[in-house]
């Protein structure tokens, strides 16, 4: 298959737009919070670090290995975070969804749930992927629970897999969703979104 082209993915609560350097200032307004980066390889607390983070993502897009997005809350049209497709392997029809962070005021809202639904739908229904991977720090219990809730199946732990910005040697947990599992995962995510809307309404 050809390289994955930039695209806008839009739902009722969230819009995912291709990331650009024009988004750096908006990302800084919500993302220069060390607590957001506790479980990531990067720690971003300055504009220069955010600029470098975005530039790296764009370089990966040019290389064909990633497709980064800026996450926008539709109601306010405000940039609230970022996410991406990464580790794209077209020949093997697999990719990873990750590098996801959301400003604190929008955590535990419909934003992340709908973003995952939009990305998984695009991966399986438009790009015909056979496998979508999700990974997280083995110590990140909240992330592990969230991935399991949406239907990610835990496959194993890569021990001492990465070195974080703090110098800690991180164990990484791998999860996957396969194409044949997607219909059930889609139903689960849609049900969660409807429940949130019922509560909000």
C-alpha atoms as a PDB file:
ATOM      1  CA  UNK A   1       0.000   0.000   0.000  1.00  0.00           C
ATOM      2  CA  UNK A   2       1.043   3.609  -0.518  1.00  0.00           C
ATOM      3  CA  UNK A   3       2.233   5.951   2.220  1.00  0.00           C
ATOM      4  CA  UNK A   4      -0.522   7.105   4.549  1.00  0.00           C
ATOM      5  CA  UNK A   5      -1.652  10.577   3.546  1.00  0.00           C
ATOM      6  CA  UNK A   6      -2.464  13.359   6.039  1.00  0.00           C
ATOM      7  CA  UNK A   7      -6.194  13.583   6.708  1.00  0.00           C
ATOM      8  CA  UNK A   8      -8.679  15.359   8.968  1.00  0.00           C
ATOM      9  CA  UNK A   9     -10.682  13.004  11.204  1.00  0.00           C
ATOM     10  CA  UNK A  10     -13.770  14.592  12.698  1.00  0.00           C
ATOM     11  CA  UNK A  11     -16.417  13.450  15.153  1.00  0.00           C
ATOM     12  CA  UNK A  12     -19.001  15.183  17.314  1.00  0.00           C
ATOM     13  CA  UNK A  13     -16.657  16.155  20.164  1.00  0.00           C
ATOM     14  CA  UNK A  14     -13.234  16.192  18.568  1.00  0.00           C
ATOM     15  CA  UNK A  15     -11.410  16.989  15.335  1.00  0.00           C
ATOM     16  CA  UNK A  16      -7.980  15.598  14.547  1.00  0.00           C
ATOM     17  CA  UNK A  17      -6.022  17.755  12.113  1.00  0.00           C
ATOM     18  CA  UNK A  18      -2.562  17.122  10.642  1.00  0.00           C
ATOM     19  CA  UNK A  19       0.031  18.566  13.013  1.00  0.00           C
ATOM     20  CA  UNK A  20       2.145  21.530  11.869  1.00  0.00           C
ATOM     21  CA  UNK A  21       4.611  23.985  13.367  1.00  0.00           C
ATOM     22  CA  UNK A  22       1.764  26.521  13.335  1.00  0.00           C
ATOM     23  CA  UNK A  23       0.280  24.574  16.264  1.00  0.00           C
ATOM     24  CA  UNK A  24       3.277  24.987  18.572  1.00  0.00           C
ATOM     25  CA  UNK A  25       1.964  28.026  20.475  1.00  0.00           C
ATOM     26  CA  UNK A  26      -1.484  26.493  20.960  1.00  0.00           C
ATOM     27  CA  UNK A  27       0.087  23.248  22.195  1.00  0.00           C
ATOM     28  CA  UNK A  28       2.226  25.220  24.615  1.00  0.00           C
ATOM     29  CA  UNK A  29      -0.863  26.808  26.155  1.00  0.00           C
ATOM     30  CA  UNK A  30      -2.108  23.399  27.308  1.00  0.00           C
ATOM     31  CA  UNK A  31       0.946  21.168  27.287  1.00  0.00           C
ATOM     32  CA  UNK A  32       3.808  22.738  29.261  1.00  0.00           C
ATOM     33  CA  UNK A  33       2.887  20.715  32.326  1.00  0.00           C
ATOM     34  CA  UNK A  34       5.471  18.238  33.585  1.00  0.00           C
ATOM     35  CA  UNK A  35       2.707  16.025  34.976  1.00  0.00           C
ATOM     36  CA  UNK A  36       1.432  15.310  31.465  1.00  0.00           C
ATOM     37  CA  UNK A  37       4.779  13.792  30.537  1.00  0.00           C
ATOM     38  CA  UNK A  38       5.324  11.576  33.593  1.00  0.00           C
ATOM     39  CA  UNK A  39       5.071   8.338  31.632  1.00  0.00           C
ATOM     40  CA  UNK A  40       6.561   9.442  28.317  1.00  0.00           C
ATOM     41  CA  UNK A  41      10.098   9.420  26.994  1.00  0.00           C
ATOM     42  CA  UNK A  42      10.071  13.222  26.705  1.00  0.00           C
ATOM     43  CA  UNK A  43       9.587  15.944  29.281  1.00  0.00           C
ATOM     44  CA  UNK A  44       8.226  19.107  27.691  1.00  0.00           C
ATOM     45  CA  UNK A  45       8.088  22.202  29.862  1.00  0.00           C
ATOM     46  CA  UNK A  46       9.409  24.905  27.503  1.00  0.00           C
ATOM     47  CA  UNK A  47       8.387  26.257  24.120  1.00  0.00           C
ATOM     48  CA  UNK A  48      11.704  25.126  22.662  1.00  0.00           C
ATOM     49  CA  UNK A  49      11.037  21.560  23.770  1.00  0.00           C
ATOM     50  CA  UNK A  50       7.522  21.654  22.309  1.00  0.00           C
ATOM     51  CA  UNK A  51       8.896  22.999  19.026  1.00  0.00           C
ATOM     52  CA  UNK A  52      11.446  20.173  18.912  1.00  0.00           C
ATOM     53  CA  UNK A  53       8.708  17.626  19.721  1.00  0.00           C
ATOM     54  CA  UNK A  54       6.544  18.834  16.830  1.00  0.00           C
ATOM     55  CA  UNK A  55       9.520  19.052  14.461  1.00  0.00           C
ATOM     56  CA  UNK A  56      10.478  15.455  15.255  1.00  0.00           C
ATOM     57  CA  UNK A  57       6.911  14.320  14.574  1.00  0.00           C
ATOM     58  CA  UNK A  58       6.905  16.117  11.224  1.00  0.00           C
ATOM     59  CA  UNK A  59      10.227  14.547  10.277  1.00  0.00           C
ATOM     60  CA  UNK A  60       8.746  11.125  11.007  1.00  0.00           C
ATOM     61  CA  UNK A  61       5.787  12.035   8.782  1.00  0.00           C
ATOM     62  CA  UNK A  62       8.156  12.963   5.950  1.00  0.00           C
ATOM     63  CA  UNK A  63       9.898   9.616   6.435  1.00  0.00           C
ATOM     64  CA  UNK A  64       6.554   7.832   6.125  1.00  0.00           C
ATOM     65  CA  UNK A  65       6.710   6.269   9.582  1.00  0.00           C
ATOM     66  CA  UNK A  66       4.201   8.510  11.385  1.00  0.00           C
ATOM     67  CA  UNK A  67       1.095  10.613  10.878  1.00  0.00           C
ATOM     68  CA  UNK A  68       0.803  13.107  13.770  1.00  0.00           C
ATOM     69  CA  UNK A  69      -2.362  15.009  14.630  1.00  0.00           C
ATOM     70  CA  UNK A  70      -3.299  17.975  16.760  1.00  0.00           C
ATOM     71  CA  UNK A  71      -6.388  17.277  18.886  1.00  0.00           C
ATOM     72  CA  UNK A  72      -9.068  19.970  18.817  1.00  0.00           C
ATOM     73  CA  UNK A  73     -12.195  20.126  20.962  1.00  0.00           C
ATOM     74  CA  UNK A  74     -14.936  20.965  18.496  1.00  0.00           C
ATOM     75  CA  UNK A  75     -17.162  22.867  20.924  1.00  0.00           C
ATOM     76  CA  UNK A  76     -14.526  25.477  21.710  1.00  0.00           C
ATOM     77  CA  UNK A  77     -12.307  25.001  18.635  1.00  0.00           C
ATOM     78  CA  UNK A  78      -9.430  24.881  21.120  1.00  0.00           C
ATOM     79  CA  UNK A  79      -6.298  22.792  20.702  1.00  0.00           C
ATOM     80  CA  UNK A  80      -6.218  20.389  23.656  1.00  0.00           C
ATOM     81  CA  UNK A  81      -3.418  17.942  22.835  1.00  0.00           C
ATOM     82  CA  UNK A  82      -1.840  15.694  20.245  1.00  0.00           C
ATOM     83  CA  UNK A  83      -1.778  12.083  19.093  1.00  0.00           C
ATOM     84  CA  UNK A  84      -0.444  10.126  16.135  1.00  0.00           C
ATOM     85  CA  UNK A  85      -0.181   7.020  14.061  1.00  0.00           C
ATOM     86  CA  UNK A  86       3.407   5.799  14.415  1.00  0.00           C
ATOM     87  CA  UNK A  87       5.648   2.874  13.554  1.00  0.00           C
ATOM     88  CA  UNK A  88       3.720   2.582  10.297  1.00  0.00           C
ATOM     89  CA  UNK A  89       4.571  -0.599   8.393  1.00  0.00           C
ATOM     90  CA  UNK A  90       2.526  -0.552   5.160  1.00  0.00           C
ATOM     91  CA  UNK A  91       4.043  -3.791   3.867  1.00  0.00           C
ATOM     92  CA  UNK A  92       2.778  -5.622   6.938  1.00  0.00           C
ATOM     93  CA  UNK A  93      -0.440  -3.593   7.288  1.00  0.00           C
ATOM     94  CA  UNK A  94       0.192  -2.555  10.849  1.00  0.00           C
ATOM     95  CA  UNK A  95       0.699   0.667  12.781  1.00  0.00           C
ATOM     96  CA  UNK A  96       0.719   1.998  16.318  1.00  0.00           C
ATOM     97  CA  UNK A  97      -1.625   4.535  17.895  1.00  0.00           C
ATOM     98  CA  UNK A  98       0.132   6.521  20.585  1.00  0.00           C
ATOM     99  CA  UNK A  99       2.138   9.600  21.520  1.00  0.00           C
ATOM    100  CA  UNK A 100      -1.161  10.774  22.977  1.00  0.00           C
ATOM    101  CA  UNK A 101      -1.464  13.561  25.501  1.00  0.00           C
ATOM    102  CA  UNK A 102      -4.381  15.786  26.469  1.00  0.00           C
ATOM    103  CA  UNK A 103      -4.438  18.901  28.643  1.00  0.00           C
ATOM    104  CA  UNK A 104      -5.762  18.285  32.140  1.00  0.00           C
ATOM    105  CA  UNK A 105      -9.135  20.079  31.747  1.00  0.00           C
ATOM    106  CA  UNK A 106     -10.073  17.698  28.907  1.00  0.00           C
ATOM    107  CA  UNK A 107      -8.951  14.457  30.502  1.00  0.00           C
ATOM    108  CA  UNK A 108     -11.720  11.982  31.377  1.00  0.00           C
ATOM    109  CA  UNK A 109     -14.021  13.588  28.793  1.00  0.00           C
ATOM    110  CA  UNK A 110     -15.241  12.309  25.439  1.00  0.00           C
ATOM    111  CA  UNK A 111     -12.169  13.764  23.716  1.00  0.00           C
ATOM    112  CA  UNK A 112      -9.810  10.800  24.025  1.00  0.00           C
ATOM    113  CA  UNK A 113     -12.508   8.156  23.587  1.00  0.00           C
ATOM    114  CA  UNK A 114     -13.744   9.676  20.338  1.00  0.00           C
ATOM    115  CA  UNK A 115     -10.206  10.309  19.090  1.00  0.00           C
ATOM    116  CA  UNK A 116      -9.422   6.614  19.537  1.00  0.00           C
ATOM    117  CA  UNK A 117     -12.641   5.672  17.743  1.00  0.00           C
ATOM    118  CA  UNK A 118     -11.819   7.948  14.802  1.00  0.00           C
ATOM    119  CA  UNK A 119      -8.253   6.681  14.532  1.00  0.00           C
ATOM    120  CA  UNK A 120      -9.134   3.012  14.824  1.00  0.00           C
ATOM    121  CA  UNK A 121     -11.932   3.407  12.278  1.00  0.00           C
ATOM    122  CA  UNK A 122      -9.544   5.061   9.835  1.00  0.00           C
ATOM    123  CA  UNK A 123      -6.887   2.409  10.428  1.00  0.00           C
ATOM    124  CA  UNK A 124      -9.149  -0.583   9.922  1.00  0.00           C
ATOM    125  CA  UNK A 125     -11.869   0.663   7.575  1.00  0.00           C
ATOM    126  CA  UNK A 126      -9.991   3.116   5.336  1.00  0.00           C
ATOM    127  CA  UNK A 127      -6.400   1.911   5.485  1.00  0.00           C
ATOM    128  CA  UNK A 128      -7.257  -1.812   5.742  1.00  0.00           C
ATOM    129  CA  UNK A 129      -4.774  -2.427   8.543  1.00  0.00           C
ATOM    130  CA  UNK A 130      -4.600  -5.924   9.965  1.00  0.00           C
ATOM    131  CA  UNK A 131      -3.162  -4.889  13.315  1.00  0.00           C
ATOM    132  CA  UNK A 132      -3.068  -1.778  15.478  1.00  0.00           C
ATOM    133  CA  UNK A 133      -0.616  -1.649  18.363  1.00  0.00           C
ATOM    134  CA  UNK A 134      -0.801   0.382  21.557  1.00  0.00           C
ATOM    135  CA  UNK A 135       2.012   0.555  24.094  1.00  0.00           C
ATOM    136  CA  UNK A 136       2.551   2.088  27.496  1.00  0.00           C
ATOM    137  CA  UNK A 137       4.925   2.199  30.437  1.00  0.00           C
ATOM    138  CA  UNK A 138       4.448  -0.897  32.596  1.00  0.00           C
ATOM    139  CA  UNK A 139       4.126   1.378  35.647  1.00  0.00           C
ATOM    140  CA  UNK A 140       1.320   3.447  34.104  1.00  0.00           C
ATOM    141  CA  UNK A 141      -1.663   1.668  35.629  1.00  0.00           C
ATOM    142  CA  UNK A 142      -4.160   4.263  34.391  1.00  0.00           C
ATOM    143  CA  UNK A 143      -3.064   3.911  30.771  1.00  0.00           C
ATOM    144  CA  UNK A 144      -3.014   0.131  30.973  1.00  0.00           C
ATOM    145  CA  UNK A 145      -6.567   0.084  32.307  1.00  0.00           C
ATOM    146  CA  UNK A 146      -7.729   2.509  29.611  1.00  0.00           C
ATOM    147  CA  UNK A 147      -6.245   0.423  26.791  1.00  0.00           C
ATOM    148  CA  UNK A 148      -7.821  -2.729  28.193  1.00  0.00           C
ATOM    149  CA  UNK A 149     -11.203  -0.988  28.501  1.00  0.00           C
ATOM    150  CA  UNK A 150     -11.304  -0.168  24.796  1.00  0.00           C
ATOM    151  CA  UNK A 151     -10.455  -3.747  23.874  1.00  0.00           C
ATOM    152  CA  UNK A 152      -6.678  -3.796  23.528  1.00  0.00           C
ATOM    153  CA  UNK A 153      -5.331  -7.266  24.199  1.00  0.00           C
ATOM    154  CA  UNK A 154      -2.167  -7.400  26.300  1.00  0.00           C
ATOM    155  CA  UNK A 155       0.559  -9.340  24.532  1.00  0.00           C
ATOM    156  CA  UNK A 156       3.573  -9.008  26.775  1.00  0.00           C
ATOM    157  CA  UNK A 157       6.219  -6.833  28.375  1.00  0.00           C
ATOM    158  CA  UNK A 158       9.477  -5.756  26.774  1.00  0.00           C
ATOM    159  CA  UNK A 159      11.811  -5.434  29.726  1.00  0.00           C
ATOM    160  CA  UNK A 160      14.191  -2.465  29.934  1.00  0.00           C
ATOM    161  CA  UNK A 161      12.872  -1.416  26.561  1.00  0.00           C
ATOM    162  CA  UNK A 162      13.514   2.344  26.640  1.00  0.00           C
ATOM    163  CA  UNK A 163      15.325   5.010  28.639  1.00  0.00           C
ATOM    164  CA  UNK A 164      13.090   7.872  29.776  1.00  0.00           C
ATOM    165  CA  UNK A 165      14.112  11.528  30.017  1.00  0.00           C
ATOM    166  CA  UNK A 166      14.706  11.002  33.744  1.00  0.00           C
ATOM    167  CA  UNK A 167      17.170   8.186  33.010  1.00  0.00           C
ATOM    168  CA  UNK A 168      14.844   5.435  34.241  1.00  0.00           C
ATOM    169  CA  UNK A 169      14.930   2.160  32.320  1.00  0.00           C
ATOM    170  CA  UNK A 170      11.346   1.573  31.250  1.00  0.00           C
ATOM    171  CA  UNK A 171       9.511  -1.692  30.712  1.00  0.00           C
ATOM    172  CA  UNK A 172       6.975  -1.348  27.878  1.00  0.00           C
ATOM    173  CA  UNK A 173       3.679  -3.245  27.715  1.00  0.00           C
ATOM    174  CA  UNK A 174       2.410  -4.098  24.224  1.00  0.00           C
ATOM    175  CA  UNK A 175      -1.277  -4.368  23.339  1.00  0.00           C
ATOM    176  CA  UNK A 176      -2.949  -5.001  20.017  1.00  0.00           C
ATOM    177  CA  UNK A 177      -6.298  -4.906  18.274  1.00  0.00           C
ATOM    178  CA  UNK A 178      -6.718  -7.066  15.187  1.00  0.00           C
ATOM    179  CA  UNK A 179      -8.965  -6.390  12.220  1.00  0.00           C
ATOM    180  CA  UNK A 180     -11.331  -9.214  13.174  1.00  0.00           C
ATOM    181  CA  UNK A 181     -11.654  -7.744  16.672  1.00  0.00           C
ATOM    182  CA  UNK A 182     -12.441  -4.249  15.421  1.00  0.00           C
ATOM    183  CA  UNK A 183     -16.261  -4.620  15.162  1.00  0.00           C
ATOM    184  CA  UNK A 184     -16.527  -5.479  18.877  1.00  0.00           C
ATOM    185  CA  UNK A 185     -14.082  -2.710  19.819  1.00  0.00           C
ATOM    186  CA  UNK A 186     -16.032  -0.219  17.703  1.00  0.00           C
ATOM    187  CA  UNK A 187     -19.281  -1.174  19.449  1.00  0.00           C
ATOM    188  CA  UNK A 188     -17.618  -0.789  22.849  1.00  0.00           C
ATOM    189  CA  UNK A 189     -16.253   2.671  22.033  1.00  0.00           C
ATOM    190  CA  UNK A 190     -19.530   3.860  20.528  1.00  0.00           C
ATOM    191  CA  UNK A 191     -21.380   2.669  23.632  1.00  0.00           C
ATOM    192  CA  UNK A 192     -18.986   4.584  25.880  1.00  0.00           C
ATOM    193  CA  UNK A 193     -19.477   7.739  23.836  1.00  0.00           C
ATOM    194  CA  UNK A 194     -23.271   7.450  23.976  1.00  0.00           C
ATOM    195  CA  UNK A 195     -23.088   6.968  27.751  1.00  0.00           C
ATOM    196  CA  UNK A 196     -20.982  10.118  28.127  1.00  0.00           C
ATOM    197  CA  UNK A 197     -23.423  12.105  26.009  1.00  0.00           C
ATOM    198  CA  UNK A 198     -26.368  10.847  28.070  1.00  0.00           C
ATOM    199  CA  UNK A 199     -24.645  11.945  31.277  1.00  0.00           C
ATOM    200  CA  UNK A 200     -23.653  15.303  29.784  1.00  0.00           C
ATOM    201  CA  UNK A 201     -27.130  15.882  28.408  1.00  0.00           C
END
